Amino acid sequence: MTFDGTTWTVGSARSADGTAIAYETAGEGPRIILVGGAFNDRSTTRPLAAALAADFTTYGFDRRGRGGSGDTAPYAVQREIEDVAALIEAAGGTAYVYGLSSGAILAAYAAAEGLPIAGLALFEPPFQVGPEGGPKAELSERLTELVSAGRRGDAVELFLTDAVGVPAEAVAGMRGMPAWSWMEGLAHTLAYDTTVTGDGALPAARLATIATPTVVVDSTGSPDWLRDAAAATARAIPRATHLSLAGSFHEVPPEVLAPALREALLD
């Protein structure tokens, strides 16, 4: 398969509980694993992977329950940390790790457990360090109830309004867009993302155990609560650096983000 002139090789790793985790690789150089957030699979991390492929061997993967990966009940955050461990093993035993949003929290927890991570990059982990933003109580349970009742669209709407902060009127307009059905297809995994985030409190003691060289990134176009969370995360991790890059809501273009990651992780 090719994307943006890049050739991709597809593989599968076996996690500790036996779940198959599908991934794709491209490029040459040190291995880097890209851990997506909500509404992400390996296709959504592909543009960044293509931008990094000149300097890294990139590993984009489907988190459990998504795309070509399996899903073994009951869900637990520890299983997703074990999935990252399986990807690191597939990458040769050590790798850089980049995580976006809830994927940034997973990446940080993997580093805190001492997995063989050469360098860590975290993009806007959605912790709540002030009065605004952040997840709402019991959101995981409500999302699971909606999906179990077959109301996948309502689950997507609930996540967008309560977890992301998208205005209800904007979500109503999104329901008619082509991407909505794709988002509904991932609705059952939204409870996984909110479980990873938990009550939103910054796990300062856990982050303080990270010995991996770390950079925490935020976008200048993101709301203050996400930018504040990135800054607080950087302060909590020993010797971490903090970068603010030009971007939009919870996103920095790959052509801006990739060079910054190269410099932070490799120089």
Protein backbone atom coordinates (compact mmCIF):
# COMPACT_ATOMS: atom_id res chain seq x y z
CA MET A 1 0.00 0.00 0.00
CA THR A 2 1.18 3.55 -0.71
CA PHE A 3 0.15 6.90 0.78
CA ASP A 4 1.65 10.27 -0.11
CA GLY A 5 4.39 8.44 -1.99
CA THR A 6 5.22 6.27 1.04
CA THR A 7 5.13 2.47 0.95
CA TRP A 8 3.52 0.71 3.92
CA THR A 9 3.91 -2.81 5.25
CA VAL A 10 1.11 -4.32 7.34
CA GLY A 11 1.71 -6.63 10.30
CA SER A 12 0.14 -7.87 13.52
CA ALA A 13 1.41 -8.08 17.10
CA ARG A 14 0.03 -10.34 19.83
CA SER A 15 -0.72 -8.56 23.10
CA ALA A 16 -0.32 -10.20 26.52
CA ASP A 17 -3.98 -11.26 26.67
CA GLY A 18 -3.80 -12.78 23.18
CA THR A 19 -5.48 -9.89 21.36
CA ALA A 20 -4.15 -9.29 17.85
CA ILE A 21 -3.08 -5.68 17.28
CA ALA A 22 -2.86 -4.62 13.62
CA TYR A 23 -0.16 -2.17 12.58
CA GLU A 24 1.55 -0.73 9.52
CA THR A 25 5.14 0.45 9.11
CA ALA A 26 6.92 2.81 6.76
CA GLY A 27 10.21 4.63 6.48
CA GLU A 28 13.73 4.02 7.74
CA GLY A 29 15.60 4.83 10.92
CA PRO A 30 14.78 4.60 14.62
CA ARG A 31 11.39 3.08 15.37
CA ILE A 32 8.56 5.35 16.52
CA ILE A 33 5.10 4.14 17.56
CA LEU A 34 2.15 6.48 17.05
CA VAL A 35 -0.65 6.07 19.60
CA GLY A 36 -3.88 7.68 18.46
CA GLY A 37 -6.68 9.14 20.56
CA ALA A 38 -10.47 9.05 20.23
CA PHE A 39 -11.80 8.64 16.67
CA ASN A 40 -8.32 7.53 15.62
CA ASP A 41 -7.05 4.40 13.94
CA ARG A 42 -3.91 3.84 11.91
CA SER A 43 -5.41 5.67 8.93
CA THR A 44 -5.70 8.92 10.90
CA THR A 45 -2.08 8.81 12.09
CA ARG A 46 -0.86 8.04 8.56
CA PRO A 47 -0.24 11.68 7.47
CA LEU A 48 2.08 12.25 10.45
CA ALA A 49 3.74 8.89 9.86
CA ALA A 50 4.40 9.82 6.23
CA ALA A 51 5.92 13.13 7.35
CA LEU A 52 8.21 11.30 9.81
CA ALA A 53 9.17 8.44 7.49
CA ALA A 54 12.34 10.12 6.19
CA ASP A 55 13.87 9.95 9.67
CA PHE A 56 12.00 7.16 11.47
CA THR A 57 10.54 3.74 10.87
CA THR A 58 6.98 4.60 11.81
CA TYR A 59 4.48 2.22 13.39
CA GLY A 60 0.85 3.25 13.17
CA PHE A 61 -1.62 0.85 14.75
CA ASP A 62 -5.27 0.22 15.42
CA ARG A 63 -5.92 0.41 19.13
CA ARG A 64 -7.97 -2.55 20.35
CA GLY A 65 -11.53 -2.56 19.11
CA ARG A 66 -10.62 -0.54 16.02
CA GLY A 67 -9.83 -1.37 12.41
CA GLY A 68 -8.00 -4.66 12.02
CA SER A 69 -7.28 -5.19 15.73
CA GLY A 70 -9.14 -7.54 18.03
CA ASP A 71 -10.98 -6.66 21.20
CA THR A 72 -11.04 -8.89 24.28
CA ALA A 73 -13.48 -8.18 27.12
CA PRO A 74 -13.47 -6.87 29.75
CA TYR A 75 -11.74 -3.63 28.83
CA ALA A 76 -8.94 -2.36 31.08
CA VAL A 77 -6.44 0.44 30.60
CA GLN A 78 -3.66 -1.98 31.51
CA ARG A 79 -4.50 -4.06 28.44
CA GLU A 80 -3.84 -1.04 26.22
CA ILE A 81 -0.51 -0.46 27.95
CA GLU A 82 0.29 -4.09 27.17
CA ASP A 83 -0.67 -3.41 23.55
CA VAL A 84 1.97 -0.66 23.42
CA ALA A 85 4.45 -3.13 24.90
CA ALA A 86 3.60 -5.63 22.14
CA LEU A 87 4.20 -2.97 19.49
CA ILE A 88 7.56 -2.08 21.04
CA GLU A 89 8.51 -5.76 20.92
CA ALA A 90 7.42 -5.96 17.28
CA ALA A 91 9.56 -2.91 16.58
CA GLY A 92 12.67 -4.70 17.83
CA GLY A 93 12.52 -4.24 21.59
CA THR A 94 12.87 -0.48 21.94
CA ALA A 95 11.16 2.48 20.28
CA TYR A 96 10.24 6.12 20.51
CA VAL A 97 6.58 6.67 21.32
CA TYR A 98 4.28 9.54 20.31
CA GLY A 99 0.78 9.79 21.79
CA LEU A 100 -2.14 12.05 20.91
CA SER A 101 -4.85 13.01 23.45
CA SER A 102 -5.96 9.85 25.28
CA GLY A 103 -3.16 8.11 23.40
CA ALA A 104 -0.74 10.54 25.06
CA ILE A 105 -1.98 9.37 28.45
CA LEU A 106 -1.45 5.73 27.41
CA ALA A 107 2.04 6.56 26.15
CA ALA A 108 2.87 8.32 29.43
CA TYR A 109 1.61 5.38 31.49
CA ALA A 110 3.66 2.98 29.36
CA ALA A 111 6.77 5.06 30.07
CA ALA A 112 5.91 5.24 33.77
CA GLU A 113 5.88 1.43 33.85
CA GLY A 114 9.44 1.41 32.55
CA LEU A 115 8.81 0.05 29.07
CA PRO A 116 11.87 0.34 26.80
CA ILE A 117 10.97 3.74 25.31
CA ALA A 118 13.90 5.72 23.89
CA GLY A 119 12.02 9.02 23.86
CA LEU A 120 8.47 10.16 24.53
CA ALA A 121 6.33 12.81 22.82
CA LEU A 122 2.92 13.70 24.24
CA PHE A 123 0.39 15.84 22.38
CA GLU A 124 -2.22 17.53 24.60
CA PRO A 125 -3.07 14.79 27.13
CA PRO A 126 -6.61 15.83 28.18
CA PHE A 127 -6.12 16.30 31.90
CA GLN A 128 -8.20 18.87 33.74
CA VAL A 129 -5.93 21.19 35.72
CA GLY A 130 -8.32 24.14 36.00
CA PRO A 131 -12.05 24.85 36.23
CA GLU A 132 -12.71 24.55 32.49
CA GLY A 133 -12.72 21.59 30.11
CA GLY A 134 -11.90 17.99 30.83
CA PRO A 135 -14.05 14.86 31.10
CA LYS A 136 -17.31 14.60 33.01
CA ALA A 137 -18.16 12.13 35.76
CA GLU A 138 -19.65 8.78 34.74
CA LEU A 139 -19.14 9.50 31.04
CA SER A 140 -17.76 6.02 30.32
CA GLU A 141 -20.87 4.37 31.76
CA ARG A 142 -23.21 6.64 29.80
CA LEU A 143 -21.35 5.99 26.55
CA THR A 144 -21.48 2.22 27.11
CA GLU A 145 -25.22 2.38 27.82
CA LEU A 146 -25.91 4.30 24.61
CA VAL A 147 -23.87 1.93 22.45
CA SER A 148 -25.50 -1.11 24.09
CA ALA A 149 -28.89 0.40 23.24
CA GLY A 150 -27.88 0.79 19.60
CA ARG A 151 -27.69 4.58 19.88
CA ARG A 152 -24.20 4.93 18.45
CA GLY A 153 -24.86 8.38 17.00
CA ASP A 154 -26.02 9.64 20.38
CA ALA A 155 -22.84 8.23 21.94
CA VAL A 156 -20.74 10.15 19.42
CA GLU A 157 -22.71 13.31 20.15
CA LEU A 158 -22.31 12.86 23.92
CA PHE A 159 -18.55 12.40 23.60
CA LEU A 160 -18.15 15.42 21.33
CA THR A 161 -20.15 17.72 23.59
CA ASP A 162 -19.12 16.46 27.04
CA ALA A 163 -15.53 15.30 26.49
CA VAL A 164 -14.35 17.46 23.59
CA GLY A 165 -16.43 20.58 24.23
CA VAL A 166 -17.96 20.94 20.75
CA PRO A 167 -21.14 23.09 20.92
CA ALA A 168 -24.34 21.09 20.53
CA GLU A 169 -25.42 23.10 17.49
CA ALA A 170 -22.12 22.30 15.76
CA VAL A 171 -22.56 18.59 16.48
CA ALA A 172 -26.06 18.71 15.02
CA GLY A 173 -24.55 19.97 11.77
CA MET A 174 -21.92 17.25 11.81
CA ARG A 175 -24.54 14.51 11.80
CA GLY A 176 -25.15 15.06 8.09
CA MET A 177 -21.49 14.91 7.11
CA PRO A 178 -19.92 11.84 5.42
CA ALA A 179 -17.51 11.29 8.33
CA TRP A 180 -20.35 10.80 10.81
CA SER A 181 -20.94 7.14 9.93
CA TRP A 182 -17.21 6.46 10.33
CA MET A 183 -17.33 8.06 13.78
CA GLU A 184 -20.35 5.94 14.69
CA GLY A 185 -18.32 2.88 13.73
CA LEU A 186 -15.84 3.76 16.50
CA ALA A 187 -18.50 4.67 19.08
CA HIS A 188 -17.93 1.52 21.13
CA THR A 189 -14.31 2.57 21.76
CA LEU A 190 -15.16 6.03 23.15
CA ALA A 191 -15.74 4.52 26.59
CA TYR A 192 -12.17 3.20 26.36
CA ASP A 193 -10.84 6.71 25.82
CA THR A 194 -12.81 8.15 28.72
CA THR A 195 -11.69 5.27 30.94
CA VAL A 196 -8.07 6.10 30.08
CA THR A 197 -8.71 9.73 31.00
CA GLY A 198 -10.54 8.78 34.21
CA ASP A 199 -11.70 11.69 36.33
CA GLY A 200 -9.32 13.99 34.46
CA ALA A 201 -7.09 14.73 37.45
CA LEU A 202 -3.41 15.14 36.64
CA PRO A 203 -1.67 11.95 37.90
CA ALA A 204 1.34 13.91 39.10
CA ALA A 205 2.87 11.14 41.21
CA ARG A 206 2.65 8.65 38.33
CA LEU A 207 4.09 11.13 35.83
CA ALA A 208 6.93 11.92 38.23
CA THR A 209 8.22 8.33 37.83
CA ILE A 210 8.90 8.78 34.09
CA ALA A 211 12.63 8.65 33.41
CA THR A 212 12.30 8.75 29.62
CA PRO A 213 13.35 11.96 27.82
CA THR A 214 10.02 13.65 27.13
CA VAL A 215 8.58 16.51 25.11
CA VAL A 216 5.00 17.70 25.63
CA VAL A 217 3.36 19.58 22.75
CA ASP A 218 0.29 21.78 22.46
CA SER A 219 -1.35 23.69 19.61
CA THR A 220 -1.75 27.47 19.65
CA GLY A 221 -5.27 26.92 18.29
CA SER A 222 -6.42 24.71 21.16
CA PRO A 223 -8.53 25.94 24.07
CA ASP A 224 -6.74 27.12 27.18
CA TRP A 225 -7.66 24.04 29.20
CA LEU A 226 -5.82 21.71 26.82
CA ARG A 227 -2.79 24.01 26.63
CA ASP A 228 -2.74 24.33 30.40
CA ALA A 229 -2.91 20.52 30.68
CA ALA A 230 0.11 20.18 28.39
CA ALA A 231 2.11 22.67 30.44
CA ALA A 232 1.15 20.96 33.71
CA THR A 233 2.10 17.56 32.27
CA ALA A 234 5.51 18.87 31.27
CA ARG A 235 6.05 20.26 34.76
CA ALA A 236 5.09 16.94 36.35
CA ILE A 237 7.56 14.83 34.29
CA PRO A 238 11.20 15.21 35.36
CA ARG A 239 13.26 17.20 32.83
CA ALA A 240 10.45 17.27 30.25
CA THR A 241 10.33 20.08 27.73
CA HIS A 242 7.20 21.90 26.54
CA LEU A 243 6.54 23.15 23.00
CA SER A 244 3.69 25.26 21.65
CA LEU A 245 3.29 24.89 17.87
CA ALA A 246 1.12 26.74 15.37
CA GLY A 247 -2.05 24.74 14.76
CA SER A 248 -5.80 24.49 15.08
CA PHE A 249 -8.13 22.90 17.64
CA HIS A 250 -6.30 19.88 19.15
CA GLU A 251 -4.19 19.51 16.01
CA VAL A 252 -0.90 20.64 14.47
CA PRO A 253 -0.31 20.01 10.75
CA PRO A 254 2.13 17.16 10.07
CA GLU A 255 4.46 19.49 8.16
CA VAL A 256 4.84 21.56 11.35
CA LEU A 257 4.71 18.77 13.92
CA ALA A 258 7.08 16.28 12.26
CA PRO A 259 10.18 18.55 12.18
CA ALA A 260 9.56 19.54 15.81
CA LEU A 261 9.36 15.89 16.84
CA ARG A 262 12.54 15.07 14.92
CA GLU A 263 14.44 17.84 16.66
CA ALA A 264 13.06 17.07 20.13
CA LEU A 265 13.58 13.31 19.95
CA LEU A 266 16.72 12.88 17.83
CA ASP A 267 18.86 15.98 18.45
